[in-house]
Amino acid sequence: MEINASGGLESLVDRYRHQFRIPENTGHYDEHELKEAEKRYVKFCLTSGKCPT
């Protein structure tokens, strides 16, 4: 049986993206800024482990 580690990582990234895309954020940023802020949020979550899963 082969373990797919990237699938788990992709799942976490999707979860963190979903957590970030709340009306408070989507209404505050324009599209380009939203993508950059979302990237920073996901990176923070993955590296710090301080975001809810």
PDB file of N, CA and C in Angstrom:
ATOM      1  N   MET A   1       0.838  -1.183   0.000  1.00  0.00           N
ATOM      2  CA  MET A   1       0.000   0.000   0.000  1.00  0.00           C
ATOM      3  C   MET A   1       0.881   1.244   0.000  1.00  0.00           C
ATOM      4  N   GLU A   2       0.581   2.183  -0.878  1.00  0.00           N
ATOM      5  CA  GLU A   2       1.356   3.413  -0.998  1.00  0.00           C
ATOM      6  C   GLU A   2       0.659   4.533  -0.239  1.00  0.00           C
ATOM      7  N   ILE A   3       1.423   5.256   0.559  1.00  0.00           N
ATOM      8  CA  ILE A   3       0.869   6.365   1.330  1.00  0.00           C
ATOM      9  C   ILE A   3       1.024   7.644   0.519  1.00  0.00           C
ATOM     10  N   ASN A   4      -0.045   8.396   0.392  1.00  0.00           N
ATOM     11  CA  ASN A   4      -0.035   9.627  -0.386  1.00  0.00           C
ATOM     12  C   ASN A   4       0.058  10.815   0.563  1.00  0.00           C
ATOM     13  N   ALA A   5       1.282  11.221   0.896  1.00  0.00           N
ATOM     14  CA  ALA A   5       1.489  12.334   1.824  1.00  0.00           C
ATOM     15  C   ALA A   5       1.029  13.653   1.224  1.00  0.00           C
ATOM     16  N   SER A   6       1.195  13.816  -0.076  1.00  0.00           N
ATOM     17  CA  SER A   6       0.797  15.087  -0.681  1.00  0.00           C
ATOM     18  C   SER A   6      -0.714  15.277  -0.626  1.00  0.00           C
ATOM     19  N   GLY A   7      -1.472  14.195  -0.621  1.00  0.00           N
ATOM     20  CA  GLY A   7      -2.924  14.296  -0.499  1.00  0.00           C
ATOM     21  C   GLY A   7      -3.326  14.875   0.837  1.00  0.00           C
ATOM     22  N   GLY A   8      -2.608  14.503   1.894  1.00  0.00           N
ATOM     23  CA  GLY A   8      -2.877  15.053   3.214  1.00  0.00           C
ATOM     24  C   GLY A   8      -2.536  16.525   3.287  1.00  0.00           C
ATOM     25  N   LEU A   9      -1.428  16.891   2.666  1.00  0.00           N
ATOM     26  CA  LEU A   9      -1.012  18.288   2.632  1.00  0.00           C
ATOM     27  C   LEU A   9      -2.002  19.119   1.824  1.00  0.00           C
ATOM     28  N   GLU A  10      -2.431  18.591   0.690  1.00  0.00           N
ATOM     29  CA  GLU A  10      -3.412  19.300  -0.133  1.00  0.00           C
ATOM     30  C   GLU A  10      -4.717  19.498   0.636  1.00  0.00           C
ATOM     31  N   SER A  11      -5.080  18.501   1.413  1.00  0.00           N
ATOM     32  CA  SER A  11      -6.295  18.595   2.214  1.00  0.00           C
ATOM     33  C   SER A  11      -6.174  19.707   3.262  1.00  0.00           C
ATOM     34  N   LEU A  12      -5.016  19.794   3.909  1.00  0.00           N
ATOM     35  CA  LEU A  12      -4.795  20.866   4.883  1.00  0.00           C
ATOM     36  C   LEU A  12      -4.827  22.236   4.220  1.00  0.00           C
ATOM     37  N   VAL A  13      -4.175  22.361   3.074  1.00  0.00           N
ATOM     38  CA  VAL A  13      -4.157  23.641   2.352  1.00  0.00           C
ATOM     39  C   VAL A  13      -5.579  24.037   1.977  1.00  0.00           C
ATOM     40  N   ASP A  14      -6.362  23.096   1.473  1.00  0.00           N
ATOM     41  CA  ASP A  14      -7.760  23.392   1.128  1.00  0.00           C
ATOM     42  C   ASP A  14      -8.550  23.831   2.353  1.00  0.00           C
ATOM     43  N   ARG A  15      -8.329  23.187   3.481  1.00  0.00           N
ATOM     44  CA  ARG A  15      -9.032  23.533   4.707  1.00  0.00           C
ATOM     45  C   ARG A  15      -8.671  24.950   5.154  1.00  0.00           C
ATOM     46  N   TYR A  16      -7.371  25.276   5.121  1.00  0.00           N
ATOM     47  CA  TYR A  16      -6.933  26.612   5.536  1.00  0.00           C
ATOM     48  C   TYR A  16      -7.426  27.686   4.575  1.00  0.00           C
ATOM     49  N   ARG A  17      -7.460  27.389   3.283  1.00  0.00           N
ATOM     50  CA  ARG A  17      -8.007  28.349   2.315  1.00  0.00           C
ATOM     51  C   ARG A  17      -9.477  28.614   2.611  1.00  0.00           C
ATOM     52  N   HIS A  18     -10.197  27.561   2.900  1.00  0.00           N
ATOM     53  CA  HIS A  18     -11.624  27.705   3.212  1.00  0.00           C
ATOM     54  C   HIS A  18     -11.811  28.538   4.480  1.00  0.00           C
ATOM     55  N   GLN A  19     -10.974  28.302   5.488  1.00  0.00           N
ATOM     56  CA  GLN A  19     -11.051  29.077   6.727  1.00  0.00           C
ATOM     57  C   GLN A  19     -10.782  30.556   6.475  1.00  0.00           C
ATOM     58  N   PHE A  20      -9.885  30.849   5.544  1.00  0.00           N
ATOM     59  CA  PHE A  20      -9.520  32.233   5.278  1.00  0.00           C
ATOM     60  C   PHE A  20     -10.605  32.980   4.511  1.00  0.00           C
ATOM     61  N   ARG A  21     -11.314  32.294   3.631  1.00  0.00           N
ATOM     62  CA  ARG A  21     -12.289  32.952   2.752  1.00  0.00           C
ATOM     63  C   ARG A  21     -13.626  33.177   3.455  1.00  0.00           C
ATOM     64  N   ILE A  22     -13.576  34.010   4.476  1.00  0.00           N
ATOM     65  CA  ILE A  22     -14.787  34.427   5.175  1.00  0.00           C
ATOM     66  C   ILE A  22     -15.167  35.811   4.657  1.00  0.00           C
ATOM     67  N   PRO A  23     -16.415  36.210   4.798  1.00  0.00           N
ATOM     68  CA  PRO A  23     -16.847  37.514   4.272  1.00  0.00           C
ATOM     69  C   PRO A  23     -15.990  38.693   4.754  1.00  0.00           C
ATOM     70  N   GLU A  24     -15.512  38.613   5.976  1.00  0.00           N
ATOM     71  CA  GLU A  24     -14.673  39.687   6.506  1.00  0.00           C
ATOM     72  C   GLU A  24     -13.415  39.883   5.650  1.00  0.00           C
ATOM     73  N   ASN A  25     -12.828  38.789   5.171  1.00  0.00           N
ATOM     74  CA  ASN A  25     -11.627  38.885   4.346  1.00  0.00           C
ATOM     75  C   ASN A  25     -11.949  39.155   2.879  1.00  0.00           C
ATOM     76  N   THR A  26     -12.943  38.459   2.339  1.00  0.00           N
ATOM     77  CA  THR A  26     -13.264  38.635   0.920  1.00  0.00           C
ATOM     78  C   THR A  26     -13.801  40.031   0.637  1.00  0.00           C
ATOM     79  N   GLY A  27     -14.441  40.658   1.618  1.00  0.00           N
ATOM     80  CA  GLY A  27     -14.945  42.010   1.439  1.00  0.00           C
ATOM     81  C   GLY A  27     -13.887  43.080   1.647  1.00  0.00           C
ATOM     82  N   HIS A  28     -12.802  42.708   2.287  1.00  0.00           N
ATOM     83  CA  HIS A  28     -11.752  43.675   2.613  1.00  0.00           C
ATOM     84  C   HIS A  28     -10.710  43.798   1.512  1.00  0.00           C
ATOM     85  N   TYR A  29     -10.319  42.684   0.908  1.00  0.00           N
ATOM     86  CA  TYR A  29      -9.233  42.661  -0.081  1.00  0.00           C
ATOM     87  C   TYR A  29      -9.777  42.681  -1.505  1.00  0.00           C
ATOM     88  N   ASP A  30      -9.004  43.298  -2.424  1.00  0.00           N
ATOM     89  CA  ASP A  30      -9.333  43.096  -3.839  1.00  0.00           C
ATOM     90  C   ASP A  30      -8.787  41.721  -4.229  1.00  0.00           C
ATOM     91  N   GLU A  31      -9.075  41.261  -5.441  1.00  0.00           N
ATOM     92  CA  GLU A  31      -8.754  39.882  -5.832  1.00  0.00           C
ATOM     93  C   GLU A  31      -7.261  39.553  -5.704  1.00  0.00           C
ATOM     94  N   HIS A  32      -6.394  40.438  -6.172  1.00  0.00           N
ATOM     95  CA  HIS A  32      -4.950  40.174  -6.104  1.00  0.00           C
ATOM     96  C   HIS A  32      -4.473  40.143  -4.649  1.00  0.00           C
ATOM     97  N   GLU A  33      -4.899  41.111  -3.866  1.00  0.00           N
ATOM     98  CA  GLU A  33      -4.497  41.155  -2.457  1.00  0.00           C
ATOM     99  C   GLU A  33      -5.051  39.958  -1.691  1.00  0.00           C
ATOM    100  N   LEU A  34      -6.255  39.513  -2.064  1.00  0.00           N
ATOM    101  CA  LEU A  34      -6.870  38.364  -1.405  1.00  0.00           C
ATOM    102  C   LEU A  34      -6.000  37.125  -1.594  1.00  0.00           C
ATOM    103  N   LYS A  35      -5.539  36.909  -2.821  1.00  0.00           N
ATOM    104  CA  LYS A  35      -4.684  35.748  -3.094  1.00  0.00           C
ATOM    105  C   LYS A  35      -3.387  35.813  -2.309  1.00  0.00           C
ATOM    106  N   GLU A  36      -2.784  36.992  -2.229  1.00  0.00           N
ATOM    107  CA  GLU A  36      -1.528  37.145  -1.484  1.00  0.00           C
ATOM    108  C   GLU A  36      -1.752  36.938   0.015  1.00  0.00           C
ATOM    109  N   ALA A  37      -2.808  37.509   0.547  1.00  0.00           N
ATOM    110  CA  ALA A  37      -3.103  37.345   1.972  1.00  0.00           C
ATOM    111  C   ALA A  37      -3.440  35.892   2.291  1.00  0.00           C
ATOM    112  N   GLU A  38      -4.165  35.249   1.394  1.00  0.00           N
ATOM    113  CA  GLU A  38      -4.512  33.844   1.579  1.00  0.00           C
ATOM    114  C   GLU A  38      -3.247  32.983   1.603  1.00  0.00           C
ATOM    115  N   LYS A  39      -2.324  33.266   0.697  1.00  0.00           N
ATOM    116  CA  LYS A  39      -1.043  32.542   0.665  1.00  0.00           C
ATOM    117  C   LYS A  39      -0.299  32.689   1.978  1.00  0.00           C
ATOM    118  N   ARG A  40      -0.244  33.927   2.472  1.00  0.00           N
ATOM    119  CA  ARG A  40       0.457  34.172   3.737  1.00  0.00           C
ATOM    120  C   ARG A  40      -0.222  33.446   4.893  1.00  0.00           C
ATOM    121  N   TYR A  41      -1.547  33.437   4.896  1.00  0.00           N
ATOM    122  CA  TYR A  41      -2.284  32.749   5.953  1.00  0.00           C
ATOM    123  C   TYR A  41      -2.010  31.245   5.918  1.00  0.00           C
ATOM    124  N   VAL A  42      -2.096  30.659   4.738  1.00  0.00           N
ATOM    125  CA  VAL A  42      -1.861  29.217   4.602  1.00  0.00           C
ATOM    126  C   VAL A  42      -0.434  28.874   5.015  1.00  0.00           C
ATOM    127  N   LYS A  43       0.521  29.680   4.580  1.00  0.00           N
ATOM    128  CA  LYS A  43       1.922  29.434   4.953  1.00  0.00           C
ATOM    129  C   LYS A  43       2.093  29.519   6.468  1.00  0.00           C
ATOM    130  N   PHE A  44       1.484  30.530   7.079  1.00  0.00           N
ATOM    131  CA  PHE A  44       1.551  30.672   8.528  1.00  0.00           C
ATOM    132  C   PHE A  44       0.970  29.434   9.216  1.00  0.00           C
ATOM    133  N   CYS A  45      -0.181  28.993   8.758  1.00  0.00           N
ATOM    134  CA  CYS A  45      -0.828  27.828   9.367  1.00  0.00           C
ATOM    135  C   CYS A  45       0.043  26.579   9.249  1.00  0.00           C
ATOM    136  N   LEU A  46       0.619  26.370   8.077  1.00  0.00           N
ATOM    137  CA  LEU A  46       1.424  25.173   7.858  1.00  0.00           C
ATOM    138  C   LEU A  46       2.734  25.200   8.640  1.00  0.00           C
ATOM    139  N   THR A  47       3.331  26.359   8.762  1.00  0.00           N
ATOM    140  CA  THR A  47       4.639  26.430   9.423  1.00  0.00           C
ATOM    141  C   THR A  47       4.536  26.567  10.933  1.00  0.00           C
ATOM    142  N   SER A  48       3.481  27.208  11.415  1.00  0.00           N
ATOM    143  CA  SER A  48       3.384  27.446  12.857  1.00  0.00           C
ATOM    144  C   SER A  48       2.550  26.376  13.572  1.00  0.00           C
ATOM    145  N   GLY A  49       1.589  25.801  12.860  1.00  0.00           N
ATOM    146  CA  GLY A  49       0.694  24.840  13.482  1.00  0.00           C
ATOM    147  C   GLY A  49      -0.294  25.476  14.448  1.00  0.00           C
ATOM    148  N   LYS A  50      -0.501  26.794  14.334  1.00  0.00           N
ATOM    149  CA  LYS A  50      -1.349  27.511  15.284  1.00  0.00           C
ATOM    150  C   LYS A  50      -2.754  27.790  14.743  1.00  0.00           C
ATOM    151  N   CYS A  51      -3.130  27.193  13.642  1.00  0.00           N
ATOM    152  CA  CYS A  51      -4.463  27.408  13.083  1.00  0.00           C
ATOM    153  C   CYS A  51      -5.332  26.182  13.369  1.00  0.00           C
ATOM    154  N   PRO A  52      -6.628  26.384  13.563  1.00  0.00           N
ATOM    155  CA  PRO A  52      -7.497  25.239  13.833  1.00  0.00           C
ATOM    156  C   PRO A  52      -7.576  24.315  12.627  1.00  0.00           C
ATOM    157  N   THR A  53      -7.657  23.031  12.883  1.00  0.00           N
ATOM    158  CA  THR A  53      -7.764  22.065  11.775  1.00  0.00           C
ATOM    159  C   THR A  53      -9.105  21.432  11.720  1.00  0.00           C
TER     160      THR A  53
END
